[in-house]
Amino acid sequence: MNQFELKAQFTEEFFEEFQYDAEFRSIFESMTRGLTPYEAIEHLCKSKKELFRSLKRAIENTPQKIIVSHERFEQLKGEIEQ
């Protein structure tokens, strides 16, 4: 299917919004080369899963900042030394 036939399968609003999206562009170009809709769905599901894994790792690796007053710090320090 050529790109004009494929483009005609999408609503104008959708295509205008996503035509410059990297993932959409990659799938769109792959579909012009013969990627089936089923393969496109599989790719999207795997991409989504990988994105969530990446977000989870980023959240887990984000440094946490704990603010403790000087008084509370001294209190905790005393408790630890006991």
PDB file of N, CA and C in Angstrom:
ATOM      1  N   MET A   1       0.854  -1.175   0.000  1.00  0.00           N
ATOM      2  CA  MET A   1       0.000   0.000   0.000  1.00  0.00           C
ATOM      3  C   MET A   1       0.900   1.238   0.000  1.00  0.00           C
ATOM      4  N   ASN A   2       0.585   2.174  -0.855  1.00  0.00           N
ATOM      5  CA  ASN A   2       1.414   3.386  -0.882  1.00  0.00           C
ATOM      6  C   ASN A   2       0.966   4.338   0.230  1.00  0.00           C
ATOM      7  N   GLN A   3       1.792   5.350   0.491  1.00  0.00           N
ATOM      8  CA  GLN A   3       1.527   6.233   1.625  1.00  0.00           C
ATOM      9  C   GLN A   3       0.229   7.033   1.477  1.00  0.00           C
ATOM     10  N   PHE A   4      -0.177   7.342   0.263  1.00  0.00           N
ATOM     11  CA  PHE A   4      -1.406   8.104   0.062  1.00  0.00           C
ATOM     12  C   PHE A   4      -2.642   7.251   0.365  1.00  0.00           C
ATOM     13  N   GLU A   5      -2.598   5.980  -0.051  1.00  0.00           N
ATOM     14  CA  GLU A   5      -3.700   5.066   0.269  1.00  0.00           C
ATOM     15  C   GLU A   5      -3.790   4.841   1.774  1.00  0.00           C
ATOM     16  N   LEU A   6      -2.631   4.679   2.400  1.00  0.00           N
ATOM     17  CA  LEU A   6      -2.599   4.451   3.844  1.00  0.00           C
ATOM     18  C   LEU A   6      -3.089   5.685   4.594  1.00  0.00           C
ATOM     19  N   LYS A   7      -2.636   6.847   4.186  1.00  0.00           N
ATOM     20  CA  LYS A   7      -3.062   8.091   4.833  1.00  0.00           C
ATOM     21  C   LYS A   7      -4.575   8.243   4.765  1.00  0.00           C
ATOM     22  N   ALA A   8      -5.176   7.823   3.675  1.00  0.00           N
ATOM     23  CA  ALA A   8      -6.625   7.933   3.489  1.00  0.00           C
ATOM     24  C   ALA A   8      -7.403   7.064   4.477  1.00  0.00           C
ATOM     25  N   GLN A   9      -6.729   6.089   5.091  1.00  0.00           N
ATOM     26  CA  GLN A   9      -7.385   5.211   6.064  1.00  0.00           C
ATOM     27  C   GLN A   9      -7.573   5.900   7.421  1.00  0.00           C
ATOM     28  N   PHE A  10      -6.872   6.992   7.661  1.00  0.00           N
ATOM     29  CA  PHE A  10      -6.939   7.716   8.934  1.00  0.00           C
ATOM     30  C   PHE A  10      -7.830   8.945   8.780  1.00  0.00           C
ATOM     31  N   THR A  11      -8.429   9.364   9.894  1.00  0.00           N
ATOM     32  CA  THR A  11      -9.169  10.617   9.840  1.00  0.00           C
ATOM     33  C   THR A  11      -8.170  11.754   9.688  1.00  0.00           C
ATOM     34  N   GLU A  12      -8.609  12.819   9.086  1.00  0.00           N
ATOM     35  CA  GLU A  12      -7.729  13.969   8.873  1.00  0.00           C
ATOM     36  C   GLU A  12      -7.235  14.529  10.210  1.00  0.00           C
ATOM     37  N   GLU A  13      -8.127  14.593  11.198  1.00  0.00           N
ATOM     38  CA  GLU A  13      -7.755  15.122  12.511  1.00  0.00           C
ATOM     39  C   GLU A  13      -6.652  14.289  13.158  1.00  0.00           C
ATOM     40  N   PHE A  14      -6.812  12.952  13.099  1.00  0.00           N
ATOM     41  CA  PHE A  14      -5.807  12.066  13.684  1.00  0.00           C
ATOM     42  C   PHE A  14      -4.466  12.245  12.990  1.00  0.00           C
ATOM     43  N   PHE A  15      -4.494  12.229  11.672  1.00  0.00           N
ATOM     44  CA  PHE A  15      -3.242  12.334  10.927  1.00  0.00           C
ATOM     45  C   PHE A  15      -2.562  13.667  11.187  1.00  0.00           C
ATOM     46  N   GLU A  16      -3.318  14.754  11.246  1.00  0.00           N
ATOM     47  CA  GLU A  16      -2.735  16.074  11.522  1.00  0.00           C
ATOM     48  C   GLU A  16      -2.057  16.093  12.887  1.00  0.00           C
ATOM     49  N   GLU A  17      -2.683  15.444  13.864  1.00  0.00           N
ATOM     50  CA  GLU A  17      -2.132  15.455  15.225  1.00  0.00           C
ATOM     51  C   GLU A  17      -0.887  14.578  15.363  1.00  0.00           C
ATOM     52  N   PHE A  18      -0.873  13.424  14.713  1.00  0.00           N
ATOM     53  CA  PHE A  18       0.189  12.453  14.953  1.00  0.00           C
ATOM     54  C   PHE A  18       1.200  12.280  13.825  1.00  0.00           C
ATOM     55  N   GLN A  19       1.057  13.004  12.725  1.00  0.00           N
ATOM     56  CA  GLN A  19       1.933  12.769  11.580  1.00  0.00           C
ATOM     57  C   GLN A  19       3.414  12.993  11.892  1.00  0.00           C
ATOM     58  N   TYR A  20       3.727  13.804  12.892  1.00  0.00           N
ATOM     59  CA  TYR A  20       5.129  14.059  13.226  1.00  0.00           C
ATOM     60  C   TYR A  20       5.593  13.282  14.456  1.00  0.00           C
ATOM     61  N   ASP A  21       4.706  12.471  15.033  1.00  0.00           N
ATOM     62  CA  ASP A  21       5.070  11.624  16.162  1.00  0.00           C
ATOM     63  C   ASP A  21       6.018  10.531  15.669  1.00  0.00           C
ATOM     64  N   ALA A  22       7.151  10.372  16.333  1.00  0.00           N
ATOM     65  CA  ALA A  22       8.185   9.438  15.858  1.00  0.00           C
ATOM     66  C   ALA A  22       7.680   8.003  15.781  1.00  0.00           C
ATOM     67  N   GLU A  23       6.962   7.562  16.798  1.00  0.00           N
ATOM     68  CA  GLU A  23       6.490   6.177  16.788  1.00  0.00           C
ATOM     69  C   GLU A  23       5.434   5.967  15.700  1.00  0.00           C
ATOM     70  N   PHE A  24       4.510   6.912  15.566  1.00  0.00           N
ATOM     71  CA  PHE A  24       3.508   6.805  14.507  1.00  0.00           C
ATOM     72  C   PHE A  24       4.188   6.782  13.145  1.00  0.00           C
ATOM     73  N   ARG A  25       5.146   7.669  12.965  1.00  0.00           N
ATOM     74  CA  ARG A  25       5.845   7.763  11.675  1.00  0.00           C
ATOM     75  C   ARG A  25       6.537   6.440  11.341  1.00  0.00           C
ATOM     76  N   SER A  26       7.186   5.851  12.347  1.00  0.00           N
ATOM     77  CA  SER A  26       7.881   4.575  12.140  1.00  0.00           C
ATOM     78  C   SER A  26       6.906   3.474  11.722  1.00  0.00           C
ATOM     79  N   ILE A  27       5.787   3.382  12.428  1.00  0.00           N
ATOM     80  CA  ILE A  27       4.788   2.362  12.087  1.00  0.00           C
ATOM     81  C   ILE A  27       4.163   2.659  10.730  1.00  0.00           C
ATOM     82  N   PHE A  28       3.850   3.920  10.473  1.00  0.00           N
ATOM     83  CA  PHE A  28       3.254   4.314   9.194  1.00  0.00           C
ATOM     84  C   PHE A  28       4.162   3.900   8.040  1.00  0.00           C
ATOM     85  N   GLU A  29       5.446   4.213   8.154  1.00  0.00           N
ATOM     86  CA  GLU A  29       6.384   3.860   7.090  1.00  0.00           C
ATOM     87  C   GLU A  29       6.544   2.351   6.956  1.00  0.00           C
ATOM     88  N   SER A  30       6.526   1.648   8.101  1.00  0.00           N
ATOM     89  CA  SER A  30       6.608   0.181   8.052  1.00  0.00           C
ATOM     90  C   SER A  30       5.374  -0.413   7.392  1.00  0.00           C
ATOM     91  N   MET A  31       4.208   0.203   7.626  1.00  0.00           N
ATOM     92  CA  MET A  31       2.978  -0.296   7.001  1.00  0.00           C
ATOM     93  C   MET A  31       3.006  -0.077   5.493  1.00  0.00           C
ATOM     94  N   THR A  32       3.647   0.988   5.039  1.00  0.00           N
ATOM     95  CA  THR A  32       3.753   1.186   3.586  1.00  0.00           C
ATOM     96  C   THR A  32       4.658   0.121   2.971  1.00  0.00           C
ATOM     97  N   ARG A  33       5.504  -0.474   3.793  1.00  0.00           N
ATOM     98  CA  ARG A  33       6.387  -1.546   3.308  1.00  0.00           C
ATOM     99  C   ARG A  33       5.827  -2.937   3.594  1.00  0.00           C
ATOM    100  N   GLY A  34       4.590  -2.998   4.121  1.00  0.00           N
ATOM    101  CA  GLY A  34       3.945  -4.299   4.273  1.00  0.00           C
ATOM    102  C   GLY A  34       3.663  -4.745   5.695  1.00  0.00           C
ATOM    103  N   LEU A  35       3.959  -3.948   6.711  1.00  0.00           N
ATOM    104  CA  LEU A  35       3.623  -4.314   8.081  1.00  0.00           C
ATOM    105  C   LEU A  35       2.108  -4.430   8.193  1.00  0.00           C
ATOM    106  N   THR A  36       1.637  -5.534   8.762  1.00  0.00           N
ATOM    107  CA  THR A  36       0.191  -5.732   8.886  1.00  0.00           C
ATOM    108  C   THR A  36      -0.339  -4.975  10.101  1.00  0.00           C
ATOM    109  N   PRO A  37      -1.638  -4.729  10.138  1.00  0.00           N
ATOM    110  CA  PRO A  37      -2.213  -4.080  11.330  1.00  0.00           C
ATOM    111  C   PRO A  37      -1.953  -4.891  12.597  1.00  0.00           C
ATOM    112  N   TYR A  38      -1.917  -6.214  12.479  1.00  0.00           N
ATOM    113  CA  TYR A  38      -1.664  -7.063  13.647  1.00  0.00           C
ATOM    114  C   TYR A  38      -0.239  -6.875  14.162  1.00  0.00           C
ATOM    115  N   GLU A  39       0.699  -6.765  13.247  1.00  0.00           N
ATOM    116  CA  GLU A  39       2.088  -6.514  13.643  1.00  0.00           C
ATOM    117  C   GLU A  39       2.232  -5.122  14.249  1.00  0.00           C
ATOM    118  N   ALA A  40       1.476  -4.165  13.734  1.00  0.00           N
ATOM    119  CA  ALA A  40       1.507  -2.807  14.292  1.00  0.00           C
ATOM    120  C   ALA A  40       0.968  -2.800  15.717  1.00  0.00           C
ATOM    121  N   ILE A  41      -0.130  -3.517  15.961  1.00  0.00           N
ATOM    122  CA  ILE A  41      -0.701  -3.607  17.311  1.00  0.00           C
ATOM    123  C   ILE A  41       0.299  -4.269  18.252  1.00  0.00           C
ATOM    124  N   GLU A  42       0.930  -5.336  17.798  1.00  0.00           N
ATOM    125  CA  GLU A  42       1.936  -6.022  18.615  1.00  0.00           C
ATOM    126  C   GLU A  42       3.078  -5.075  18.969  1.00  0.00           C
ATOM    127  N   HIS A  43       3.532  -4.308  17.989  1.00  0.00           N
ATOM    128  CA  HIS A  43       4.612  -3.345  18.222  1.00  0.00           C
ATOM    129  C   HIS A  43       4.196  -2.299  19.249  1.00  0.00           C
ATOM    130  N   LEU A  44       2.981  -1.775  19.131  1.00  0.00           N
ATOM    131  CA  LEU A  44       2.496  -0.762  20.063  1.00  0.00           C
ATOM    132  C   LEU A  44       2.393  -1.299  21.486  1.00  0.00           C
ATOM    133  N   CYS A  45       1.901  -2.519  21.627  1.00  0.00           N
ATOM    134  CA  CYS A  45       1.788  -3.122  22.965  1.00  0.00           C
ATOM    135  C   CYS A  45       3.157  -3.323  23.589  1.00  0.00           C
ATOM    136  N   LYS A  46       4.111  -3.801  22.812  1.00  0.00           N
ATOM    137  CA  LYS A  46       5.468  -3.991  23.330  1.00  0.00           C
ATOM    138  C   LYS A  46       6.113  -2.655  23.677  1.00  0.00           C
ATOM    139  N   SER A  47       5.889  -1.638  22.853  1.00  0.00           N
ATOM    140  CA  SER A  47       6.437  -0.302  23.125  1.00  0.00           C
ATOM    141  C   SER A  47       5.870   0.266  24.416  1.00  0.00           C
ATOM    142  N   LYS A  48       4.560   0.104  24.595  1.00  0.00           N
ATOM    143  CA  LYS A  48       3.909   0.604  25.806  1.00  0.00           C
ATOM    144  C   LYS A  48       4.477  -0.091  27.038  1.00  0.00           C
ATOM    145  N   LYS A  49       4.648  -1.400  26.956  1.00  0.00           N
ATOM    146  CA  LYS A  49       5.181  -2.170  28.080  1.00  0.00           C
ATOM    147  C   LYS A  49       6.603  -1.705  28.411  1.00  0.00           C
ATOM    148  N   GLU A  50       7.414  -1.494  27.400  1.00  0.00           N
ATOM    149  CA  GLU A  50       8.790  -1.037  27.611  1.00  0.00           C
ATOM    150  C   GLU A  50       8.809   0.373  28.201  1.00  0.00           C
ATOM    151  N   LEU A  51       7.902   1.224  27.747  1.00  0.00           N
ATOM    152  CA  LEU A  51       7.812   2.579  28.302  1.00  0.00           C
ATOM    153  C   LEU A  51       7.494   2.526  29.794  1.00  0.00           C
ATOM    154  N   PHE A  52       6.540   1.684  30.190  1.00  0.00           N
ATOM    155  CA  PHE A  52       6.198   1.563  31.602  1.00  0.00           C
ATOM    156  C   PHE A  52       7.373   1.007  32.411  1.00  0.00           C
ATOM    157  N   ARG A  53       8.102   0.060  31.841  1.00  0.00           N
ATOM    158  CA  ARG A  53       9.306  -0.452  32.531  1.00  0.00           C
ATOM    159  C   ARG A  53      10.325   0.661  32.737  1.00  0.00           C
ATOM    160  N   SER A  54      10.538   1.455  31.709  1.00  0.00           N
ATOM    161  CA  SER A  54      11.491   2.568  31.794  1.00  0.00           C
ATOM    162  C   SER A  54      11.055   3.596  32.828  1.00  0.00           C
ATOM    163  N   LEU A  55       9.770   3.922  32.833  1.00  0.00           N
ATOM    164  CA  LEU A  55       9.252   4.873  33.822  1.00  0.00           C
ATOM    165  C   LEU A  55       9.409   4.330  35.239  1.00  0.00           C
ATOM    166  N   LYS A  56       9.127   3.056  35.417  1.00  0.00           N
ATOM    167  CA  LYS A  56       9.265   2.429  36.738  1.00  0.00           C
ATOM    168  C   LYS A  56      10.717   2.500  37.206  1.00  0.00           C
ATOM    169  N   ARG A  57      11.658   2.166  36.308  1.00  0.00           N
ATOM    170  CA  ARG A  57      13.083   2.243  36.676  1.00  0.00           C
ATOM    171  C   ARG A  57      13.483   3.672  37.014  1.00  0.00           C
ATOM    172  N   ALA A  58      12.983   4.634  36.257  1.00  0.00           N
ATOM    173  CA  ALA A  58      13.312   6.038  36.517  1.00  0.00           C
ATOM    174  C   ALA A  58      12.791   6.474  37.876  1.00  0.00           C
ATOM    175  N   ILE A  59      11.567   6.062  38.198  1.00  0.00           N
ATOM    176  CA  ILE A  59      10.992   6.417  39.496  1.00  0.00           C
ATOM    177  C   ILE A  59      11.773   5.750  40.622  1.00  0.00           C
ATOM    178  N   GLU A  60      12.117   4.483  40.444  1.00  0.00           N
ATOM    179  CA  GLU A  60      12.867   3.763  41.478  1.00  0.00           C
ATOM    180  C   GLU A  60      14.254   4.343  41.681  1.00  0.00           C
ATOM    181  N   ASN A  61      14.854   4.896  40.640  1.00  0.00           N
ATOM    182  CA  ASN A  61      16.218   5.415  40.732  1.00  0.00           C
ATOM    183  C   ASN A  61      16.279   6.912  41.025  1.00  0.00           C
ATOM    184  N   THR A  62      15.124   7.531  41.218  1.00  0.00           N
ATOM    185  CA  THR A  62      15.107   8.964  41.513  1.00  0.00           C
ATOM    186  C   THR A  62      15.558   9.173  42.953  1.00  0.00           C
ATOM    187  N   PRO A  63      16.562   9.999  43.148  1.00  0.00           N
ATOM    188  CA  PRO A  63      17.003  10.246  44.521  1.00  0.00           C
ATOM    189  C   PRO A  63      15.887  10.909  45.334  1.00  0.00           C
ATOM    190  N   GLN A  64      15.800  10.515  46.568  1.00  0.00           N
ATOM    191  CA  GLN A  64      14.798  11.086  47.455  1.00  0.00           C
ATOM    192  C   GLN A  64      15.461  12.098  48.375  1.00  0.00           C
ATOM    193  N   LYS A  65      14.812  13.183  48.585  1.00  0.00           N
ATOM    194  CA  LYS A  65      15.335  14.229  49.442  1.00  0.00           C
ATOM    195  C   LYS A  65      14.502  14.248  50.714  1.00  0.00           C
ATOM    196  N   ILE A  66      15.172  14.097  51.827  1.00  0.00           N
ATOM    197  CA  ILE A  66      14.486  14.116  53.116  1.00  0.00           C
ATOM    198  C   ILE A  66      14.957  15.351  53.865  1.00  0.00           C
ATOM    199  N   ILE A  67      14.022  16.153  54.272  1.00  0.00           N
ATOM    200  CA  ILE A  67      14.354  17.377  55.000  1.00  0.00           C
ATOM    201  C   ILE A  67      14.091  17.137  56.489  1.00  0.00           C
ATOM    202  N   VAL A  68      15.134  17.317  57.276  1.00  0.00           N
ATOM    203  CA  VAL A  68      15.046  17.098  58.714  1.00  0.00           C
ATOM    204  C   VAL A  68      15.571  18.351  59.410  1.00  0.00           C
ATOM    205  N   SER A  69      14.836  18.802  60.396  1.00  0.00           N
ATOM    206  CA  SER A  69      15.304  19.974  61.138  1.00  0.00           C
ATOM    207  C   SER A  69      16.539  19.592  61.950  1.00  0.00           C
ATOM    208  N   HIS A  70      17.305  20.598  62.329  1.00  0.00           N
ATOM    209  CA  HIS A  70      18.513  20.354  63.119  1.00  0.00           C
ATOM    210  C   HIS A  70      18.161  19.661  64.438  1.00  0.00           C
ATOM    211  N   GLU A  71      17.056  20.098  65.051  1.00  0.00           N
ATOM    212  CA  GLU A  71      16.644  19.493  66.326  1.00  0.00           C
ATOM    213  C   GLU A  71      16.305  18.015  66.150  1.00  0.00           C
ATOM    214  N   ARG A  72      15.548  17.717  65.097  1.00  0.00           N
ATOM    215  CA  ARG A  72      15.168  16.317  64.847  1.00  0.00           C
ATOM    216  C   ARG A  72      16.390  15.485  64.498  1.00  0.00           C
ATOM    217  N   PHE A  73      17.343  16.066  63.757  1.00  0.00           N
ATOM    218  CA  PHE A  73      18.578  15.371  63.420  1.00  0.00           C
ATOM    219  C   PHE A  73      19.336  15.003  64.685  1.00  0.00           C
ATOM    220  N   GLU A  74      19.465  15.947  65.592  1.00  0.00           N
ATOM    221  CA  GLU A  74      20.172  15.681  66.855  1.00  0.00           C
ATOM    222  C   GLU A  74      19.449  14.615  67.665  1.00  0.00           C
ATOM    223  N   GLN A  75      18.115  14.651  67.651  1.00  0.00           N
ATOM    224  CA  GLN A  75      17.333  13.646  68.373  1.00  0.00           C
ATOM    225  C   GLN A  75      17.578  12.254  67.784  1.00  0.00           C
ATOM    226  N   LEU A  76      17.533  12.153  66.463  1.00  0.00           N
ATOM    227  CA  LEU A  76      17.776  10.855  65.807  1.00  0.00           C
ATOM    228  C   LEU A  76      19.196  10.383  66.044  1.00  0.00           C
ATOM    229  N   LYS A  77      20.136  11.297  65.980  1.00  0.00           N
ATOM    230  CA  LYS A  77      21.540  10.963  66.218  1.00  0.00           C
ATOM    231  C   LYS A  77      21.713  10.414  67.621  1.00  0.00           C
ATOM    232  N   GLY A  78      21.065  11.034  68.599  1.00  0.00           N
ATOM    233  CA  GLY A  78      21.124  10.541  69.979  1.00  0.00           C
ATOM    234  C   GLY A  78      20.530   9.166  70.124  1.00  0.00           C
ATOM    235  N   GLU A  79      19.405   8.924  69.433  1.00  0.00           N
ATOM    236  CA  GLU A  79      18.768   7.611  69.499  1.00  0.00           C
ATOM    237  C   GLU A  79      19.655   6.532  68.877  1.00  0.00           C
ATOM    238  N   ILE A  80      20.344   6.869  67.822  1.00  0.00           N
ATOM    239  CA  ILE A  80      21.217   5.898  67.157  1.00  0.00           C
ATOM    240  C   ILE A  80      22.420   5.570  68.016  1.00  0.00           C
ATOM    241  N   GLU A  81      22.958   6.562  68.716  1.00  0.00           N
ATOM    242  CA  GLU A  81      24.149   6.360  69.533  1.00  0.00           C
ATOM    243  C   GLU A  81      23.873   5.566  70.784  1.00  0.00           C
ATOM    244  N   GLN A  82      22.613   5.457  71.199  1.00  0.00           N
ATOM    245  CA  GLN A  82      22.293   4.732  72.435  1.00  0.00           C
ATOM    246  C   GLN A  82      22.448   3.263  72.294  1.00  0.00           C
TER     247      GLN A  82
END
